PDB file of N, CA and C in Angstrom:
ATOM      1  N   MET A   1      13.416  23.358   4.883  1.00  0.00           N
ATOM      2  CA  MET A   1      14.183  21.822   4.574  1.00  0.00           C
ATOM      3  C   MET A   1      13.246  20.713   4.785  1.00  0.00           C
ATOM      4  N   LYS A   2      12.304  20.746   5.849  1.00  0.00           N
ATOM      5  CA  LYS A   2      11.756  19.680   6.195  1.00  0.00           C
ATOM      6  C   LYS A   2      10.620  19.465   5.290  1.00  0.00           C
ATOM      7  N   TYR A   3      10.256  20.652   4.618  1.00  0.00           N
ATOM      8  CA  TYR A   3       9.295  20.624   3.547  1.00  0.00           C
ATOM      9  C   TYR A   3       9.946  19.769   2.326  1.00  0.00           C
ATOM     10  N   LEU A   4      11.259  20.058   2.142  1.00  0.00           N
ATOM     11  CA  LEU A   4      11.808  19.643   0.837  1.00  0.00           C
ATOM     12  C   LEU A   4      12.039  17.923   1.170  1.00  0.00           C
ATOM     13  N   GLU A   5      12.297  17.656   2.176  1.00  0.00           N
ATOM     14  CA  GLU A   5      12.779  16.184   2.653  1.00  0.00           C
ATOM     15  C   GLU A   5      11.366  15.354   2.701  1.00  0.00           C
ATOM     16  N   ILE A   6      10.142  15.866   2.813  1.00  0.00           N
ATOM     17  CA  ILE A   6       8.683  15.303   2.635  1.00  0.00           C
ATOM     18  C   ILE A   6       8.766  15.258   1.208  1.00  0.00           C
ATOM     19  N   LEU A   7       8.878  16.081   0.425  1.00  0.00           N
ATOM     20  CA  LEU A   7       8.716  15.993  -1.069  1.00  0.00           C
ATOM     21  C   LEU A   7       9.657  14.891  -1.489  1.00  0.00           C
ATOM     22  N   LEU A   8      10.915  14.715  -1.048  1.00  0.00           N
ATOM     23  CA  LEU A   8      11.688  13.475  -1.563  1.00  0.00           C
ATOM     24  C   LEU A   8      11.004  12.245  -1.172  1.00  0.00           C
ATOM     25  N   VAL A   9      10.783  12.332   0.055  1.00  0.00           N
ATOM     26  CA  VAL A   9      10.182  10.928   0.468  1.00  0.00           C
ATOM     27  C   VAL A   9       8.906  10.359  -0.256  1.00  0.00           C
ATOM     28  N   LEU A  10       8.035  11.340  -0.346  1.00  0.00           N
ATOM     29  CA  LEU A  10       6.924  10.980  -1.050  1.00  0.00           C
ATOM     30  C   LEU A  10       7.344  10.701  -2.724  1.00  0.00           C
ATOM     31  N   ARG A  11       8.282  11.551  -3.240  1.00  0.00           N
ATOM     32  CA  ARG A  11       8.684  10.979  -4.517  1.00  0.00           C
ATOM     33  C   ARG A  11       9.394   9.863  -4.510  1.00  0.00           C
ATOM     34  N   PHE A  12      10.069   9.498  -3.662  1.00  0.00           N
ATOM     35  CA  PHE A  12      10.743   8.115  -3.512  1.00  0.00           C
ATOM     36  C   PHE A  12       9.774   6.668  -3.586  1.00  0.00           C
ATOM     37  N   ARG A  13       8.750   7.150  -2.751  1.00  0.00           N
ATOM     38  CA  ARG A  13       7.746   6.315  -2.593  1.00  0.00           C
ATOM     39  C   ARG A  13       6.951   6.138  -3.742  1.00  0.00           C
ATOM     40  N   TYR A  14       6.566   7.173  -4.353  1.00  0.00           N
ATOM     41  CA  TYR A  14       5.935   6.923  -5.585  1.00  0.00           C
ATOM     42  C   TYR A  14       6.568   6.276  -6.761  1.00  0.00           C
ATOM     43  N   LEU A  15       7.955   6.391  -6.709  1.00  0.00           N
ATOM     44  CA  LEU A  15       8.604   5.611  -7.804  1.00  0.00           C
ATOM     45  C   LEU A  15       8.717   4.364  -7.350  1.00  0.00           C
ATOM     46  N   ASP A  16       8.856   4.258  -6.328  1.00  0.00           N
ATOM     47  CA  ASP A  16       8.873   2.426  -5.709  1.00  0.00           C
ATOM     48  C   ASP A  16       7.736   1.668  -6.025  1.00  0.00           C
ATOM     49  N   ASN A  17       6.305   2.489  -5.930  1.00  0.00           N
ATOM     50  CA  ASN A  17       4.987   2.092  -6.363  1.00  0.00           C
ATOM     51  C   ASN A  17       5.167   1.786  -7.843  1.00  0.00           C
ATOM     52  N   ILE A  18       5.394   2.445  -8.399  1.00  0.00           N
ATOM     53  CA  ILE A  18       5.777   2.381 -10.041  1.00  0.00           C
ATOM     54  C   ILE A  18       6.595   1.033 -10.273  1.00  0.00           C
ATOM     55  N   ASN A  19       7.697   0.969  -9.472  1.00  0.00           N
ATOM     56  CA  ASN A  19       8.482  -0.214  -9.961  1.00  0.00           C
ATOM     57  C   ASN A  19       7.751  -1.343  -9.633  1.00  0.00           C
ATOM     58  N   VAL A  20       6.958  -1.560  -8.493  1.00  0.00           N
ATOM     59  CA  VAL A  20       5.796  -2.779  -8.099  1.00  0.00           C
ATOM     60  C   VAL A  20       5.353  -3.060  -9.338  1.00  0.00           C
ATOM     61  N   VAL A  21       4.492  -1.986  -9.819  1.00  0.00           N
ATOM     62  CA  VAL A  21       3.726  -2.155 -10.766  1.00  0.00           C
ATOM     63  C   VAL A  21       4.308  -2.912 -11.880  1.00  0.00           C
ATOM     64  N   ASP A  22       5.314  -2.187 -12.234  1.00  0.00           N
ATOM     65  CA  ASP A  22       6.071  -2.533 -13.558  1.00  0.00           C
ATOM     66  C   ASP A  22       6.480  -4.375 -13.341  1.00  0.00           C
ATOM     67  N   ARG A  23       6.954  -4.814 -12.090  1.00  0.00           N
ATOM     68  CA  ARG A  23       7.376  -5.890 -11.873  1.00  0.00           C
ATOM     69  C   ARG A  23       6.201  -6.793 -12.085  1.00  0.00           C
ATOM     70  N   ARG A  24       5.143  -6.403 -11.553  1.00  0.00           N
ATOM     71  CA  ARG A  24       3.955  -7.151 -11.564  1.00  0.00           C
ATOM     72  C   ARG A  24       3.565  -7.346 -13.155  1.00  0.00           C
ATOM     73  N   ASP A  25       3.419  -6.375 -13.871  1.00  0.00           N
ATOM     74  CA  ASP A  25       3.249  -6.499 -15.537  1.00  0.00           C
ATOM     75  C   ASP A  25       4.156  -7.371 -16.020  1.00  0.00           C
ATOM     76  N   ASN A  26       5.423  -7.305 -15.881  1.00  0.00           N
ATOM     77  CA  ASN A  26       6.445  -8.107 -16.327  1.00  0.00           C
ATOM     78  C   ASN A  26       6.188  -9.646 -16.200  1.00  0.00           C
ATOM     79  N   LEU A  27       5.667  -9.928 -14.835  1.00  0.00           N
ATOM     80  CA  LEU A  27       5.612 -11.406 -14.330  1.00  0.00           C
ATOM     81  C   LEU A  27       4.191 -11.847 -15.205  1.00  0.00           C
ATOM     82  N   GLY A  28       3.046 -11.012 -15.378  1.00  0.00           N
ATOM     83  CA  GLY A  28       1.774 -11.287 -16.070  1.00  0.00           C
ATOM     84  C   GLY A  28       2.110 -11.538 -17.572  1.00  0.00           C
ATOM     85  N   SER A  29       3.117 -10.734 -18.159  1.00  0.00           N
ATOM     86  CA  SER A  29       3.399 -10.780 -19.433  1.00  0.00           C
ATOM     87  C   SER A  29       4.075 -12.075 -19.610  1.00  0.00           C
ATOM     88  N   ILE A  30       5.138 -12.633 -18.702  1.00  0.00           N
ATOM     89  CA  ILE A  30       5.601 -13.703 -18.614  1.00  0.00           C
ATOM     90  C   ILE A  30       4.727 -15.159 -18.527  1.00  0.00           C
ATOM     91  N   LEU A  31       4.001 -14.828 -17.594  1.00  0.00           N
ATOM     92  CA  LEU A  31       2.768 -15.971 -17.416  1.00  0.00           C
ATOM     93  C   LEU A  31       1.924 -16.288 -18.588  1.00  0.00           C
ATOM     94  N   ASP A  32       1.543 -14.914 -19.106  1.00  0.00           N
ATOM     95  CA  ASP A  32       0.413 -14.947 -20.390  1.00  0.00           C
ATOM     96  C   ASP A  32       1.325 -14.897 -21.534  1.00  0.00           C
ATOM     97  N   PRO A  33       1.444 -15.867 -22.382  1.00  0.00           N
ATOM     98  CA  PRO A  33       2.334 -15.504 -23.452  1.00  0.00           C
ATOM     99  C   PRO A  33       1.546 -14.736 -24.959  1.00  0.00           C
TER     100      PRO A  33
END
């Protein structure tokens, strides 16, 4: 169970990192027409 829990935590962190990158890209596209 602990192994699966670690995988889930890493998975969510990975998704969070992707979301942060997407937000930065969106801000950049808005600032640069």
